Amino acid sequence: MITKIGIVAGEIWHFLDENSQTTLSTLLEQIDKPKDIILMSLGWLAREGHVILQERGDNYVLSLRRNLNKV
């Protein structure tokens, strides 16, 4: 399971690298994996300080943290 989460985390990272920022709902539509795996992978990236999550109404805006020294 941890390998699957890591692979999807890589897909999320690449998606954000190419798109600079997106909403959680768009990410769930664009990454063709189960929602629970995407959320676990996103949590992993957030915990490691690789992504920034900002609440916007009933959605979240996601982006990569470009400077990991500012965690």
N, C-alpha and C. Protein backbone atom coordinates (compact mmCIF):
# COMPACT_ATOMS: atom_id res chain seq x y z
N MET A 1 0.83 -1.20 0.00
CA MET A 1 0.00 0.00 0.00
C MET A 1 0.87 1.26 0.00
N ILE A 2 1.94 1.28 0.80
CA ILE A 2 2.78 2.46 0.88
C ILE A 2 3.43 2.76 -0.48
N THR A 3 3.74 1.72 -1.24
CA THR A 3 4.31 1.93 -2.58
C THR A 3 3.29 2.60 -3.49
N LYS A 4 2.05 2.14 -3.43
CA LYS A 4 0.98 2.73 -4.25
C LYS A 4 0.79 4.21 -3.89
N ILE A 5 0.79 4.51 -2.60
CA ILE A 5 0.64 5.89 -2.14
C ILE A 5 1.80 6.74 -2.66
N GLY A 6 3.00 6.21 -2.60
CA GLY A 6 4.17 6.93 -3.09
C GLY A 6 4.12 7.20 -4.58
N ILE A 7 3.67 6.22 -5.35
CA ILE A 7 3.56 6.39 -6.80
C ILE A 7 2.54 7.47 -7.14
N VAL A 8 1.40 7.45 -6.47
CA VAL A 8 0.37 8.47 -6.72
C VAL A 8 0.86 9.84 -6.24
N ALA A 9 1.61 9.88 -5.15
CA ALA A 9 2.19 11.15 -4.69
C ALA A 9 3.09 11.74 -5.79
N GLY A 10 3.83 10.89 -6.47
CA GLY A 10 4.66 11.34 -7.59
C GLY A 10 3.82 11.88 -8.73
N GLU A 11 2.70 11.23 -9.02
CA GLU A 11 1.80 11.71 -10.07
C GLU A 11 1.23 13.09 -9.71
N ILE A 12 0.86 13.24 -8.44
CA ILE A 12 0.33 14.53 -7.97
C ILE A 12 1.41 15.60 -8.10
N TRP A 13 2.63 15.29 -7.66
CA TRP A 13 3.73 16.24 -7.73
C TRP A 13 3.95 16.69 -9.17
N HIS A 14 3.99 15.73 -10.10
CA HIS A 14 4.20 16.08 -11.52
C HIS A 14 3.03 16.91 -12.06
N PHE A 15 1.81 16.57 -11.68
CA PHE A 15 0.65 17.35 -12.12
C PHE A 15 0.76 18.79 -11.64
N LEU A 16 1.10 18.97 -10.37
CA LEU A 16 1.23 20.33 -9.83
C LEU A 16 2.42 21.06 -10.44
N ASP A 17 3.49 20.36 -10.73
CA ASP A 17 4.66 20.97 -11.36
C ASP A 17 4.30 21.51 -12.74
N GLU A 18 3.46 20.80 -13.47
CA GLU A 18 3.05 21.22 -14.81
C GLU A 18 1.96 22.29 -14.79
N ASN A 19 1.13 22.31 -13.75
CA ASN A 19 -0.03 23.19 -13.72
C ASN A 19 0.06 24.31 -12.69
N SER A 20 1.12 24.37 -11.96
CA SER A 20 1.42 25.36 -10.93
C SER A 20 0.44 25.35 -9.76
N GLN A 21 -0.84 25.37 -9.99
CA GLN A 21 -1.80 25.19 -8.91
C GLN A 21 -3.10 24.64 -9.47
N THR A 22 -3.87 24.03 -8.60
CA THR A 22 -5.15 23.45 -9.01
C THR A 22 -6.04 23.34 -7.78
N THR A 23 -7.27 23.00 -8.01
CA THR A 23 -8.17 22.75 -6.87
C THR A 23 -8.17 21.24 -6.59
N LEU A 24 -8.58 20.90 -5.38
CA LEU A 24 -8.68 19.49 -5.03
C LEU A 24 -9.67 18.78 -5.95
N SER A 25 -10.79 19.41 -6.24
CA SER A 25 -11.78 18.76 -7.11
C SER A 25 -11.21 18.50 -8.50
N THR A 26 -10.42 19.42 -9.04
CA THR A 26 -9.80 19.21 -10.35
C THR A 26 -8.76 18.09 -10.28
N LEU A 27 -7.97 18.08 -9.21
CA LEU A 27 -6.97 17.02 -9.05
C LEU A 27 -7.64 15.66 -9.01
N LEU A 28 -8.74 15.54 -8.29
CA LEU A 28 -9.46 14.27 -8.21
C LEU A 28 -10.00 13.83 -9.57
N GLU A 29 -10.34 14.80 -10.42
CA GLU A 29 -10.82 14.48 -11.77
C GLU A 29 -9.67 14.08 -12.70
N GLN A 30 -8.50 14.71 -12.53
CA GLN A 30 -7.39 14.54 -13.47
C GLN A 30 -6.48 13.35 -13.17
N ILE A 31 -6.38 12.97 -11.91
CA ILE A 31 -5.55 11.81 -11.55
C ILE A 31 -6.47 10.59 -11.52
N ASP A 32 -6.23 9.67 -12.41
CA ASP A 32 -7.11 8.51 -12.56
C ASP A 32 -6.75 7.40 -11.57
N LYS A 33 -6.98 7.70 -10.30
CA LYS A 33 -6.74 6.76 -9.21
C LYS A 33 -7.89 6.89 -8.22
N PRO A 34 -8.06 5.90 -7.33
CA PRO A 34 -9.13 6.00 -6.33
C PRO A 34 -8.96 7.22 -5.42
N LYS A 35 -10.09 7.83 -5.07
CA LYS A 35 -10.07 9.05 -4.25
C LYS A 35 -9.31 8.85 -2.95
N ASP A 36 -9.50 7.71 -2.28
CA ASP A 36 -8.83 7.52 -0.99
C ASP A 36 -7.31 7.47 -1.14
N ILE A 37 -6.81 6.89 -2.22
CA ILE A 37 -5.36 6.84 -2.45
C ILE A 37 -4.84 8.24 -2.75
N ILE A 38 -5.58 9.02 -3.55
CA ILE A 38 -5.17 10.39 -3.85
C ILE A 38 -5.10 11.21 -2.57
N LEU A 39 -6.09 11.08 -1.71
CA LEU A 39 -6.09 11.84 -0.46
C LEU A 39 -4.95 11.42 0.47
N MET A 40 -4.67 10.12 0.55
CA MET A 40 -3.54 9.67 1.36
C MET A 40 -2.22 10.20 0.80
N SER A 41 -2.08 10.18 -0.52
CA SER A 41 -0.87 10.67 -1.17
C SER A 41 -0.71 12.17 -0.96
N LEU A 42 -1.79 12.89 -1.07
CA LEU A 42 -1.76 14.34 -0.85
C LEU A 42 -1.39 14.65 0.60
N GLY A 43 -1.93 13.87 1.54
CA GLY A 43 -1.57 14.04 2.94
C GLY A 43 -0.09 13.80 3.18
N TRP A 44 0.45 12.81 2.51
CA TRP A 44 1.87 12.51 2.63
C TRP A 44 2.70 13.71 2.12
N LEU A 45 2.34 14.21 0.95
CA LEU A 45 3.06 15.37 0.39
C LEU A 45 2.94 16.59 1.30
N ALA A 46 1.76 16.80 1.86
CA ALA A 46 1.55 17.94 2.76
C ALA A 46 2.38 17.78 4.03
N ARG A 47 2.38 16.60 4.60
CA ARG A 47 3.14 16.34 5.83
C ARG A 47 4.63 16.52 5.61
N GLU A 48 5.11 16.15 4.43
CA GLU A 48 6.52 16.30 4.09
C GLU A 48 6.86 17.73 3.68
N GLY A 49 5.85 18.60 3.57
CA GLY A 49 6.10 19.99 3.23
C GLY A 49 6.25 20.28 1.75
N HIS A 50 5.81 19.35 0.90
CA HIS A 50 5.97 19.52 -0.54
C HIS A 50 4.83 20.29 -1.20
N VAL A 51 3.67 20.33 -0.55
CA VAL A 51 2.53 21.04 -1.13
C VAL A 51 1.96 22.04 -0.13
N ILE A 52 1.33 23.05 -0.68
CA ILE A 52 0.62 24.05 0.11
C ILE A 52 -0.87 23.85 -0.16
N LEU A 53 -1.65 23.74 0.90
CA LEU A 53 -3.10 23.58 0.80
C LEU A 53 -3.74 24.83 1.38
N GLN A 54 -4.60 25.47 0.59
CA GLN A 54 -5.30 26.65 1.06
C GLN A 54 -6.80 26.43 0.90
N GLU A 55 -7.54 26.58 1.99
CA GLU A 55 -8.98 26.39 1.93
C GLU A 55 -9.62 27.58 1.22
N ARG A 56 -10.49 27.29 0.25
CA ARG A 56 -11.21 28.31 -0.50
C ARG A 56 -12.67 27.89 -0.57
N GLY A 57 -13.48 28.40 0.35
CA GLY A 57 -14.89 28.02 0.38
C GLY A 57 -15.04 26.54 0.68
N ASP A 58 -15.70 25.83 -0.22
CA ASP A 58 -15.89 24.39 -0.02
C ASP A 58 -14.87 23.55 -0.79
N ASN A 59 -13.76 24.16 -1.19
CA ASN A 59 -12.73 23.48 -1.95
C ASN A 59 -11.37 23.85 -1.38
N TYR A 60 -10.32 23.30 -1.93
CA TYR A 60 -8.94 23.61 -1.54
C TYR A 60 -8.15 23.92 -2.79
N VAL A 61 -7.23 24.88 -2.69
CA VAL A 61 -6.30 25.19 -3.76
C VAL A 61 -4.96 24.56 -3.37
N LEU A 62 -4.37 23.84 -4.30
CA LEU A 62 -3.13 23.10 -4.07
C LEU A 62 -2.03 23.65 -4.95
N SER A 63 -0.83 23.75 -4.40
CA SER A 63 0.33 24.15 -5.18
C SER A 63 1.57 23.53 -4.56
N LEU A 64 2.63 23.45 -5.34
CA LEU A 64 3.90 22.94 -4.83
C LEU A 64 4.59 24.02 -4.01
N ARG A 65 5.24 23.60 -2.95
CA ARG A 65 6.10 24.51 -2.19
C ARG A 65 7.45 24.49 -2.90
N ARG A 66 7.83 25.61 -3.46
CA ARG A 66 9.05 25.68 -4.26
C ARG A 66 10.31 25.77 -3.41
N ASN A 67 10.22 26.36 -2.22
CA ASN A 67 11.37 26.50 -1.34
C ASN A 67 11.13 25.68 -0.09
N LEU A 68 11.70 24.49 -0.01
CA LEU A 68 11.45 23.59 1.11
C LEU A 68 12.08 24.08 2.41
N ASN A 69 12.90 25.13 2.36
CA ASN A 69 13.48 25.68 3.59
C ASN A 69 12.47 26.48 4.38
N LYS A 70 11.32 26.78 3.79
CA LYS A 70 10.29 27.60 4.45
C LYS A 70 9.11 26.76 4.90
N VAL A 71 9.38 25.58 5.42
CA VAL A 71 8.31 24.68 5.88
C VAL A 71 7.76 25.16 7.22
